[in-house]
PDB file of all heavy atoms in Angstrom:
ATOM      1  N   PHE A   1      -1.893  -6.912  -4.183  1.00  0.00           N
ATOM      2  CA  PHE A   1      -0.791  -6.337  -3.409  1.00  0.00           C
ATOM      3  C   PHE A   1      -1.038  -6.461  -1.908  1.00  0.00           C
ATOM      4  O   PHE A   1      -2.167  -6.566  -1.444  1.00  0.00           O
ATOM      5  CB  PHE A   1      -0.613  -4.858  -3.761  1.00  0.00           C
ATOM      6  CG  PHE A   1      -0.141  -4.629  -5.167  1.00  0.00           C
ATOM      7  CD1 PHE A   1      -1.055  -4.456  -6.206  1.00  0.00           C
ATOM      8  CD2 PHE A   1       1.213  -4.608  -5.469  1.00  0.00           C
ATOM      9  CE1 PHE A   1      -0.632  -4.255  -7.501  1.00  0.00           C
ATOM     10  CE2 PHE A   1       1.649  -4.402  -6.766  1.00  0.00           C
ATOM     11  CZ  PHE A   1       0.729  -4.227  -7.784  1.00  0.00           C
ATOM     12  N   LYS A   2       0.062  -6.440  -1.157  1.00  0.00           N
ATOM     13  CA  LYS A   2       0.046  -6.254   0.290  1.00  0.00           C
ATOM     14  C   LYS A   2       1.123  -5.239   0.598  1.00  0.00           C
ATOM     15  O   LYS A   2       2.319  -5.547   0.603  1.00  0.00           O
ATOM     16  CB  LYS A   2       0.315  -7.568   1.034  1.00  0.00           C
ATOM     17  CG  LYS A   2       0.100  -7.456   2.544  1.00  0.00           C
ATOM     18  CD  LYS A   2      -1.387  -7.296   2.873  1.00  0.00           C
ATOM     19  CE  LYS A   2      -1.628  -7.272   4.370  1.00  0.00           C
ATOM     20  NZ  LYS A   2      -3.082  -7.167   4.681  1.00  0.00           N
ATOM     21  N   VAL A   3       0.722  -3.990   0.838  1.00  0.00           N
ATOM     22  CA  VAL A   3       1.693  -2.901   0.996  1.00  0.00           C
ATOM     23  C   VAL A   3       1.880  -2.556   2.472  1.00  0.00           C
ATOM     24  O   VAL A   3       1.045  -2.879   3.325  1.00  0.00           O
ATOM     25  CB  VAL A   3       1.253  -1.645   0.210  1.00  0.00           C
ATOM     26  CG1 VAL A   3       1.261  -1.923  -1.288  1.00  0.00           C
ATOM     27  CG2 VAL A   3      -0.115  -1.168   0.660  1.00  0.00           C
ATOM     28  N   ASP A   4       2.988  -1.877   2.765  1.00  0.00           N
ATOM     29  CA  ASP A   4       3.271  -1.477   4.152  1.00  0.00           C
ATOM     30  C   ASP A   4       2.300  -0.395   4.626  1.00  0.00           C
ATOM     31  O   ASP A   4       1.835  -0.436   5.767  1.00  0.00           O
ATOM     32  CB  ASP A   4       4.710  -0.963   4.264  1.00  0.00           C
ATOM     33  CG  ASP A   4       5.735  -2.036   3.931  1.00  0.00           C
ATOM     34  OD1 ASP A   4       5.542  -3.192   4.348  1.00  0.00           O
ATOM     35  OD2 ASP A   4       6.726  -1.710   3.235  1.00  0.00           O
ATOM     36  N   PHE A   5       2.017   0.570   3.760  1.00  0.00           N
ATOM     37  CA  PHE A   5       1.178   1.708   4.149  1.00  0.00           C
ATOM     38  C   PHE A   5       0.151   2.008   3.057  1.00  0.00           C
ATOM     39  O   PHE A   5       0.465   1.923   1.871  1.00  0.00           O
ATOM     40  CB  PHE A   5       2.021   2.977   4.357  1.00  0.00           C
ATOM     41  CG  PHE A   5       3.099   2.850   5.383  1.00  0.00           C
ATOM     42  CD1 PHE A   5       4.404   2.552   5.007  1.00  0.00           C
ATOM     43  CD2 PHE A   5       2.821   3.032   6.732  1.00  0.00           C
ATOM     44  CE1 PHE A   5       5.414   2.440   5.950  1.00  0.00           C
ATOM     45  CE2 PHE A   5       3.823   2.915   7.678  1.00  0.00           C
ATOM     46  CZ  PHE A   5       5.118   2.618   7.294  1.00  0.00           C
ATOM     47  N   ALA A   6      -1.043   2.372   3.477  1.00  0.00           N
ATOM     48  CA  ALA A   6      -2.013   3.002   2.588  1.00  0.00           C
ATOM     49  C   ALA A   6      -2.184   4.435   3.050  1.00  0.00           C
ATOM     50  O   ALA A   6      -2.517   4.678   4.211  1.00  0.00           O
ATOM     51  CB  ALA A   6      -3.350   2.275   2.633  1.00  0.00           C
ATOM     52  N   VAL A   7      -1.913   5.380   2.177  1.00  0.00           N
ATOM     53  CA  VAL A   7      -2.133   6.789   2.479  1.00  0.00           C
ATOM     54  C   VAL A   7      -3.405   7.201   1.742  1.00  0.00           C
ATOM     55  O   VAL A   7      -3.447   7.211   0.512  1.00  0.00           O
ATOM     56  CB  VAL A   7      -0.944   7.658   2.031  1.00  0.00           C
ATOM     57  CG1 VAL A   7      -1.219   9.125   2.351  1.00  0.00           C
ATOM     58  CG2 VAL A   7       0.337   7.192   2.704  1.00  0.00           C
ATOM     59  N   ILE A   8      -4.448   7.499   2.506  1.00  0.00           N
ATOM     60  CA  ILE A   8      -5.740   7.779   1.890  1.00  0.00           C
ATOM     61  C   ILE A   8      -6.262   9.148   2.323  1.00  0.00           C
ATOM     62  O   ILE A   8      -6.014   9.592   3.440  1.00  0.00           O
ATOM     63  CB  ILE A   8      -6.789   6.698   2.219  1.00  0.00           C
ATOM     64  CG1 ILE A   8      -7.120   6.690   3.722  1.00  0.00           C
ATOM     65  CG2 ILE A   8      -6.314   5.325   1.755  1.00  0.00           C
ATOM     66  CD1 ILE A   8      -8.335   5.862   4.072  1.00  0.00           C
ATOM     67  N   GLY A   9      -6.969   9.789   1.427  1.00  0.00           N
ATOM     68  CA  GLY A   9      -7.726  10.984   1.761  1.00  0.00           C
ATOM     69  C   GLY A   9      -9.198  10.624   1.827  1.00  0.00           C
ATOM     70  O   GLY A   9      -9.598   9.486   1.585  1.00  0.00           O
ATOM     71  N   THR A  10     -10.016  11.603   2.138  1.00  0.00           N
ATOM     72  CA  THR A  10     -11.464  11.395   2.188  1.00  0.00           C
ATOM     73  C   THR A  10     -12.146  12.724   1.909  1.00  0.00           C
ATOM     74  O   THR A  10     -11.565  13.789   2.135  1.00  0.00           O
ATOM     75  CB  THR A  10     -11.889  10.829   3.564  1.00  0.00           C
ATOM     76  OG1 THR A  10     -13.254  10.442   3.515  1.00  0.00           O
ATOM     77  CG2 THR A  10     -11.682  11.846   4.677  1.00  0.00           C
ATOM     78  N   SER A  11     -13.380  12.662   1.426  1.00  0.00           N
ATOM     79  CA  SER A  11     -14.107  13.893   1.102  1.00  0.00           C
ATOM     80  C   SER A  11     -14.755  14.523   2.313  1.00  0.00           C
ATOM     81  O   SER A  11     -14.955  15.739   2.358  1.00  0.00           O
ATOM     82  CB  SER A  11     -15.176  13.604   0.042  1.00  0.00           C
ATOM     83  OG  SER A  11     -14.574  13.254  -1.179  1.00  0.00           O
ATOM     84  N   ALA A  12     -15.113  13.700   3.299  1.00  0.00           N
ATOM     85  CA  ALA A  12     -15.796  14.212   4.484  1.00  0.00           C
ATOM     86  C   ALA A  12     -15.576  13.247   5.636  1.00  0.00           C
ATOM     87  O   ALA A  12     -15.339  12.049   5.426  1.00  0.00           O
ATOM     88  CB  ALA A  12     -17.285  14.391   4.221  1.00  0.00           C
ATOM     89  N   ILE A  13     -15.645  13.780   6.872  1.00  0.00           N
ATOM     90  CA  ILE A  13     -15.529  12.975   8.077  1.00  0.00           C
ATOM     91  C   ILE A  13     -16.693  13.322   8.987  1.00  0.00           C
ATOM     92  O   ILE A  13     -16.842  14.475   9.404  1.00  0.00           O
ATOM     93  CB  ILE A  13     -14.200  13.210   8.813  1.00  0.00           C
ATOM     94  CG1 ILE A  13     -13.005  12.985   7.877  1.00  0.00           C
ATOM     95  CG2 ILE A  13     -14.092  12.286  10.038  1.00  0.00           C
ATOM     96  CD1 ILE A  13     -11.672  13.376   8.484  1.00  0.00           C
ATOM     97  N   ASP A  14     -17.506  12.337   9.289  1.00  0.00           N
ATOM     98  CA  ASP A  14     -18.609  12.546  10.220  1.00  0.00           C
ATOM     99  C   ASP A  14     -18.066  12.585  11.642  1.00  0.00           C
ATOM    100  O   ASP A  14     -17.050  11.963  11.954  1.00  0.00           O
ATOM    101  CB  ASP A  14     -19.622  11.404  10.074  1.00  0.00           C
ATOM    102  CG  ASP A  14     -20.915  11.680  10.801  1.00  0.00           C
ATOM    103  OD1 ASP A  14     -21.805  12.316  10.236  1.00  0.00           O
ATOM    104  OD2 ASP A  14     -21.012  11.244  11.968  1.00  0.00           O
ATOM    105  N   LEU A  15     -18.732  13.312  12.526  1.00  0.00           N
ATOM    106  CA  LEU A  15     -18.249  13.409  13.902  1.00  0.00           C
ATOM    107  C   LEU A  15     -18.354  12.083  14.661  1.00  0.00           C
ATOM    108  O   LEU A  15     -17.816  11.958  15.754  1.00  0.00           O
ATOM    109  CB  LEU A  15     -19.003  14.510  14.654  1.00  0.00           C
ATOM    110  CG  LEU A  15     -18.639  15.941  14.233  1.00  0.00           C
ATOM    111  CD1 LEU A  15     -19.471  16.957  14.989  1.00  0.00           C
ATOM    112  CD2 LEU A  15     -17.156  16.212  14.449  1.00  0.00           C
ATOM    113  N   SER A  16     -19.009  11.094  14.058  1.00  0.00           N
ATOM    114  CA  SER A  16     -19.002   9.745  14.625  1.00  0.00           C
ATOM    115  C   SER A  16     -17.703   9.008  14.290  1.00  0.00           C
ATOM    116  O   SER A  16     -17.418   7.939  14.857  1.00  0.00           O
ATOM    117  CB  SER A  16     -20.181   8.938  14.081  1.00  0.00           C
ATOM    118  OG  SER A  16     -20.021   8.694  12.683  1.00  0.00           O
ATOM    119  N   GLY A  17     -16.921   9.574  13.360  1.00  0.00           N
ATOM    120  CA  GLY A  17     -15.679   8.933  12.939  1.00  0.00           C
ATOM    121  C   GLY A  17     -15.769   8.211  11.615  1.00  0.00           C
ATOM    122  O   GLY A  17     -14.805   7.593  11.174  1.00  0.00           O
ATOM    123  N   ASP A  18     -16.908   8.295  10.930  1.00  0.00           N
ATOM    124  CA  ASP A  18     -17.048   7.664   9.619  1.00  0.00           C
ATOM    125  C   ASP A  18     -16.363   8.510   8.545  1.00  0.00           C
ATOM    126  O   ASP A  18     -16.502   9.738   8.529  1.00  0.00           O
ATOM    127  CB  ASP A  18     -18.525   7.492   9.253  1.00  0.00           C
ATOM    128  CG  ASP A  18     -19.206   6.400  10.055  1.00  0.00           C
ATOM    129  OD1 ASP A  18     -18.496   5.493  10.541  1.00  0.00           O
ATOM    130  OD2 ASP A  18     -20.441   6.447  10.204  1.00  0.00           O
ATOM    131  N   LEU A  19     -15.646   7.841   7.652  1.00  0.00           N
ATOM    132  CA  LEU A  19     -15.010   8.487   6.501  1.00  0.00           C
ATOM    133  C   LEU A  19     -15.975   8.361   5.324  1.00  0.00           C
ATOM    134  O   LEU A  19     -16.470   7.265   5.033  1.00  0.00           O
ATOM    135  CB  LEU A  19     -13.676   7.826   6.169  1.00  0.00           C
ATOM    136  CG  LEU A  19     -12.729   7.563   7.344  1.00  0.00           C
ATOM    137  CD1 LEU A  19     -11.427   6.950   6.839  1.00  0.00           C
ATOM    138  CD2 LEU A  19     -12.478   8.814   8.135  1.00  0.00           C
ATOM    139  N   LEU A  20     -16.226   9.466   4.615  1.00  0.00           N
ATOM    140  CA  LEU A  20     -17.286   9.514   3.613  1.00  0.00           C
ATOM    141  C   LEU A  20     -16.756  10.009   2.277  1.00  0.00           C
ATOM    142  O   LEU A  20     -15.789  10.773   2.214  1.00  0.00           O
ATOM    143  CB  LEU A  20     -18.414  10.436   4.087  1.00  0.00           C
ATOM    144  CG  LEU A  20     -18.984  10.140   5.476  1.00  0.00           C
ATOM    145  CD1 LEU A  20     -19.920  11.261   5.914  1.00  0.00           C
ATOM    146  CD2 LEU A  20     -19.708   8.801   5.495  1.00  0.00           C
ATOM    147  N   ASP A  21     -17.425   9.567   1.208  1.00  0.00           N
ATOM    148  CA  ASP A  21     -17.048  10.026  -0.128  1.00  0.00           C
ATOM    149  C   ASP A  21     -18.292  10.108  -1.008  1.00  0.00           C
ATOM    150  O   ASP A  21     -19.396   9.792  -0.553  1.00  0.00           O
ATOM    151  CB  ASP A  21     -15.995   9.101  -0.748  1.00  0.00           C
ATOM    152  CG  ASP A  21     -14.922   9.876  -1.479  1.00  0.00           C
ATOM    153  OD1 ASP A  21     -15.292  10.743  -2.303  1.00  0.00           O
ATOM    154  OD2 ASP A  21     -13.732   9.640  -1.241  1.00  0.00           O
ATOM    155  N   PHE A  22     -18.096  10.520  -2.256  1.00  0.00           N
ATOM    156  CA  PHE A  22     -19.217  10.774  -3.152  1.00  0.00           C
ATOM    157  C   PHE A  22     -19.444   9.671  -4.174  1.00  0.00           C
ATOM    158  O   PHE A  22     -20.572   9.419  -4.576  1.00  0.00           O
ATOM    159  CB  PHE A  22     -18.988  12.098  -3.904  1.00  0.00           C
ATOM    160  CG  PHE A  22     -19.008  13.298  -3.010  1.00  0.00           C
ATOM    161  CD1 PHE A  22     -17.838  13.801  -2.464  1.00  0.00           C
ATOM    162  CD2 PHE A  22     -20.198  13.932  -2.693  1.00  0.00           C
ATOM    163  CE1 PHE A  22     -17.849  14.909  -1.638  1.00  0.00           C
ATOM    164  CE2 PHE A  22     -20.224  15.034  -1.860  1.00  0.00           C
ATOM    165  CZ  PHE A  22     -19.043  15.523  -1.331  1.00  0.00           C
ATOM    166  N   ASP A  23     -18.383   9.031  -4.629  1.00  0.00           N
ATOM    167  CA  ASP A  23     -18.472   8.093  -5.751  1.00  0.00           C
ATOM    168  C   ASP A  23     -18.364   6.660  -5.249  1.00  0.00           C
ATOM    169  O   ASP A  23     -17.297   6.246  -4.770  1.00  0.00           O
ATOM    170  CB  ASP A  23     -17.344   8.392  -6.742  1.00  0.00           C
ATOM    171  CG  ASP A  23     -17.403   7.534  -7.991  1.00  0.00           C
ATOM    172  OD1 ASP A  23     -18.252   6.620  -8.056  1.00  0.00           O
ATOM    173  OD2 ASP A  23     -16.596   7.768  -8.911  1.00  0.00           O
ATOM    174  N   PRO A  24     -19.415   5.846  -5.349  1.00  0.00           N
ATOM    175  CA  PRO A  24     -19.332   4.444  -4.894  1.00  0.00           C
ATOM    176  C   PRO A  24     -18.220   3.658  -5.585  1.00  0.00           C
ATOM    177  O   PRO A  24     -17.641   2.744  -4.985  1.00  0.00           O
ATOM    178  CB  PRO A  24     -20.719   3.877  -5.243  1.00  0.00           C
ATOM    179  CG  PRO A  24     -21.619   5.064  -5.279  1.00  0.00           C
ATOM    180  CD  PRO A  24     -20.772   6.195  -5.807  1.00  0.00           C
ATOM    181  N   GLU A  25     -17.918   4.018  -6.830  1.00  0.00           N
ATOM    182  CA  GLU A  25     -16.850   3.319  -7.550  1.00  0.00           C
ATOM    183  C   GLU A  25     -15.484   3.615  -6.920  1.00  0.00           C
ATOM    184  O   GLU A  25     -14.615   2.743  -6.849  1.00  0.00           O
ATOM    185  CB  GLU A  25     -16.849   3.738  -9.020  1.00  0.00           C
ATOM    186  CG  GLU A  25     -18.085   3.323  -9.783  1.00  0.00           C
ATOM    187  CD  GLU A  25     -18.193   1.817  -9.893  1.00  0.00           C
ATOM    188  OE1 GLU A  25     -17.327   1.206 -10.544  1.00  0.00           O
ATOM    189  OE2 GLU A  25     -19.136   1.244  -9.314  1.00  0.00           O
ATOM    190  N   GLU A  26     -15.289   4.841  -6.460  1.00  0.00           N
ATOM    191  CA  GLU A  26     -14.048   5.174  -5.765  1.00  0.00           C
ATOM    192  C   GLU A  26     -14.010   4.542  -4.379  1.00  0.00           C
ATOM    193  O   GLU A  26     -12.956   4.075  -3.925  1.00  0.00           O
ATOM    194  CB  GLU A  26     -13.895   6.692  -5.642  1.00  0.00           C
ATOM    195  CG  GLU A  26     -12.620   7.114  -4.913  1.00  0.00           C
ATOM    196  CD  GLU A  26     -12.473   8.616  -4.778  1.00  0.00           C
ATOM    197  OE1 GLU A  26     -13.260   9.362  -5.392  1.00  0.00           O
ATOM    198  OE2 GLU A  26     -11.550   9.048  -4.047  1.00  0.00           O
ATOM    199  N   VAL A  27     -15.146   4.525  -3.711  1.00  0.00           N
ATOM    200  CA  VAL A  27     -15.218   3.945  -2.366  1.00  0.00           C
ATOM    201  C   VAL A  27     -14.817   2.485  -2.388  1.00  0.00           C
ATOM    202  O   VAL A  27     -14.085   2.013  -1.518  1.00  0.00           O
ATOM    203  CB  VAL A  27     -16.632   4.128  -1.786  1.00  0.00           C
ATOM    204  CG1 VAL A  27     -16.831   3.259  -0.545  1.00  0.00           C
ATOM    205  CG2 VAL A  27     -16.861   5.596  -1.436  1.00  0.00           C
ATOM    206  N   ARG A  28     -15.291   1.744  -3.383  1.00  0.00           N
ATOM    207  CA  ARG A  28     -14.928   0.320  -3.496  1.00  0.00           C
ATOM    208  C   ARG A  28     -13.419   0.148  -3.569  1.00  0.00           C
ATOM    209  O   ARG A  28     -12.839  -0.743  -2.934  1.00  0.00           O
ATOM    210  CB  ARG A  28     -15.602  -0.279  -4.726  1.00  0.00           C
ATOM    211  CG  ARG A  28     -15.161  -1.699  -5.071  1.00  0.00           C
ATOM    212  CD  ARG A  28     -16.168  -2.381  -5.967  1.00  0.00           C
ATOM    213  NE  ARG A  28     -15.607  -3.495  -6.715  1.00  0.00           N
ATOM    214  CZ  ARG A  28     -15.143  -4.607  -6.185  1.00  0.00           C
ATOM    215  NH1 ARG A  28     -15.151  -4.783  -4.880  1.00  0.00           N
ATOM    216  NH2 ARG A  28     -14.661  -5.577  -6.952  1.00  0.00           N
ATOM    217  N   VAL A  29     -12.760   1.003  -4.320  1.00  0.00           N
ATOM    218  CA  VAL A  29     -11.300   0.934  -4.441  1.00  0.00           C
ATOM    219  C   VAL A  29     -10.637   1.274  -3.106  1.00  0.00           C
ATOM    220  O   VAL A  29      -9.721   0.587  -2.656  1.00  0.00           O
ATOM    221  CB  VAL A  29     -10.804   1.880  -5.559  1.00  0.00           C
ATOM    222  CG1 VAL A  29      -9.284   1.876  -5.625  1.00  0.00           C
ATOM    223  CG2 VAL A  29     -11.397   1.476  -6.899  1.00  0.00           C
ATOM    224  N   SER A  30     -11.097   2.334  -2.445  1.00  0.00           N
ATOM    225  CA  SER A  30     -10.505   2.736  -1.171  1.00  0.00           C
ATOM    226  C   SER A  30     -10.647   1.644  -0.117  1.00  0.00           C
ATOM    227  O   SER A  30      -9.726   1.409   0.677  1.00  0.00           O
ATOM    228  CB  SER A  30     -11.156   4.035  -0.676  1.00  0.00           C
ATOM    229  OG  SER A  30     -10.894   5.106  -1.557  1.00  0.00           O
ATOM    230  N   GLN A  31     -11.785   0.977  -0.097  1.00  0.00           N
ATOM    231  CA  GLN A  31     -11.983  -0.116   0.855  1.00  0.00           C
ATOM    232  C   GLN A  31     -11.017  -1.261   0.585  1.00  0.00           C
ATOM    233  O   GLN A  31     -10.479  -1.874   1.520  1.00  0.00           O
ATOM    234  CB  GLN A  31     -13.434  -0.599   0.799  1.00  0.00           C
ATOM    235  CG  GLN A  31     -14.427   0.405   1.376  1.00  0.00           C
ATOM    236  CD  GLN A  31     -15.872   0.035   1.113  1.00  0.00           C
ATOM    237  OE1 GLN A  31     -16.186  -0.723   0.190  1.00  0.00           O
ATOM    238  NE2 GLN A  31     -16.775   0.573   1.920  1.00  0.00           N
ATOM    239  N   GLN A  32     -10.767  -1.545  -0.690  1.00  0.00           N
ATOM    240  CA  GLN A  32      -9.808  -2.593  -1.042  1.00  0.00           C
ATOM    241  C   GLN A  32      -8.393  -2.188  -0.639  1.00  0.00           C
ATOM    242  O   GLN A  32      -7.605  -3.017  -0.194  1.00  0.00           O
ATOM    243  CB  GLN A  32      -9.866  -2.869  -2.547  1.00  0.00           C
ATOM    244  CG  GLN A  32      -9.084  -4.095  -2.986  1.00  0.00           C
ATOM    245  CD  GLN A  32      -9.596  -5.372  -2.337  1.00  0.00           C
ATOM    246  OE1 GLN A  32     -10.782  -5.653  -2.380  1.00  0.00           O
ATOM    247  NE2 GLN A  32      -8.710  -6.112  -1.711  1.00  0.00           N
ATOM    248  N   VAL A  33      -8.087  -0.908  -0.775  1.00  0.00           N
ATOM    249  CA  VAL A  33      -6.764  -0.404  -0.391  1.00  0.00           C
ATOM    250  C   VAL A  33      -6.516  -0.622   1.104  1.00  0.00           C
ATOM    251  O   VAL A  33      -5.440  -1.064   1.514  1.00  0.00           O
ATOM    252  CB  VAL A  33      -6.655   1.098  -0.743  1.00  0.00           C
ATOM    253  CG1 VAL A  33      -5.448   1.724  -0.077  1.00  0.00           C
ATOM    254  CG2 VAL A  33      -6.591   1.284  -2.246  1.00  0.00           C
ATOM    255  N   ILE A  34      -7.503  -0.298   1.924  1.00  0.00           N
ATOM    256  CA  ILE A  34      -7.355  -0.462   3.369  1.00  0.00           C
ATOM    257  C   ILE A  34      -7.089  -1.933   3.714  1.00  0.00           C
ATOM    258  O   ILE A  34      -6.243  -2.249   4.564  1.00  0.00           O
ATOM    259  CB  ILE A  34      -8.606   0.075   4.090  1.00  0.00           C
ATOM    260  CG1 ILE A  34      -8.689   1.595   3.926  1.00  0.00           C
ATOM    261  CG2 ILE A  34      -8.593  -0.290   5.573  1.00  0.00           C
ATOM    262  CD1 ILE A  34      -9.994   2.204   4.397  1.00  0.00           C
ATOM    263  N   LYS A  35      -7.788  -2.838   3.032  1.00  0.00           N
ATOM    264  CA  LYS A  35      -7.567  -4.277   3.271  1.00  0.00           C
ATOM    265  C   LYS A  35      -6.169  -4.711   2.851  1.00  0.00           C
ATOM    266  O   LYS A  35      -5.602  -5.636   3.444  1.00  0.00           O
ATOM    267  CB  LYS A  35      -8.601  -5.091   2.489  1.00  0.00           C
ATOM    268  CG  LYS A  35     -10.023  -4.970   2.990  1.00  0.00           C
ATOM    269  CD  LYS A  35     -10.961  -5.801   2.118  1.00  0.00           C
ATOM    270  CE  LYS A  35     -12.408  -5.647   2.548  1.00  0.00           C
ATOM    271  NZ  LYS A  35     -13.324  -6.408   1.645  1.00  0.00           N
ATOM    272  N   ALA A  36      -5.632  -4.039   1.832  1.00  0.00           N
ATOM    273  CA  ALA A  36      -4.343  -4.459   1.264  1.00  0.00           C
ATOM    274  C   ALA A  36      -3.146  -3.856   1.978  1.00  0.00           C
ATOM    275  O   ALA A  36      -2.004  -4.087   1.577  1.00  0.00           O
ATOM    276  CB  ALA A  36      -4.297  -4.083  -0.222  1.00  0.00           C
ATOM    277  N   ALA A  37      -3.365  -3.069   3.032  1.00  0.00           N
ATOM    278  CA  ALA A  37      -2.267  -2.370   3.719  1.00  0.00           C
ATOM    279  C   ALA A  37      -2.069  -2.899   5.126  1.00  0.00           C
ATOM    280  O   ALA A  37      -3.032  -3.245   5.824  1.00  0.00           O
ATOM    281  CB  ALA A  37      -2.558  -0.874   3.764  1.00  0.00           C
ATOM    282  N   ARG A  38      -0.816  -2.913   5.551  1.00  0.00           N
ATOM    283  CA  ARG A  38      -0.511  -3.285   6.936  1.00  0.00           C
ATOM    284  C   ARG A  38      -0.878  -2.158   7.895  1.00  0.00           C
ATOM    285  O   ARG A  38      -1.201  -2.403   9.051  1.00  0.00           O
ATOM    286  CB  ARG A  38       0.962  -3.642   7.059  1.00  0.00           C
ATOM    287  CG  ARG A  38       1.343  -4.892   6.257  1.00  0.00           C
ATOM    288  CD  ARG A  38       2.805  -5.270   6.413  1.00  0.00           C
ATOM    289  NE  ARG A  38       3.086  -6.506   5.703  1.00  0.00           N
ATOM    290  CZ  ARG A  38       3.472  -6.570   4.428  1.00  0.00           C
ATOM    291  NH1 ARG A  38       3.633  -5.438   3.736  1.00  0.00           N
ATOM    292  NH2 ARG A  38       3.691  -7.721   3.848  1.00  0.00           N
TER     293      ARG A  38
END
């Protein structure tokens, strides 16, 4: 897919601006989502 928007949540945000999560399997999907969105 190539979608107009990706609406994503996150489990934690570091004060450096990094978005963090717990499950590497979910993270892989979220990273693919960001690539697939305008």
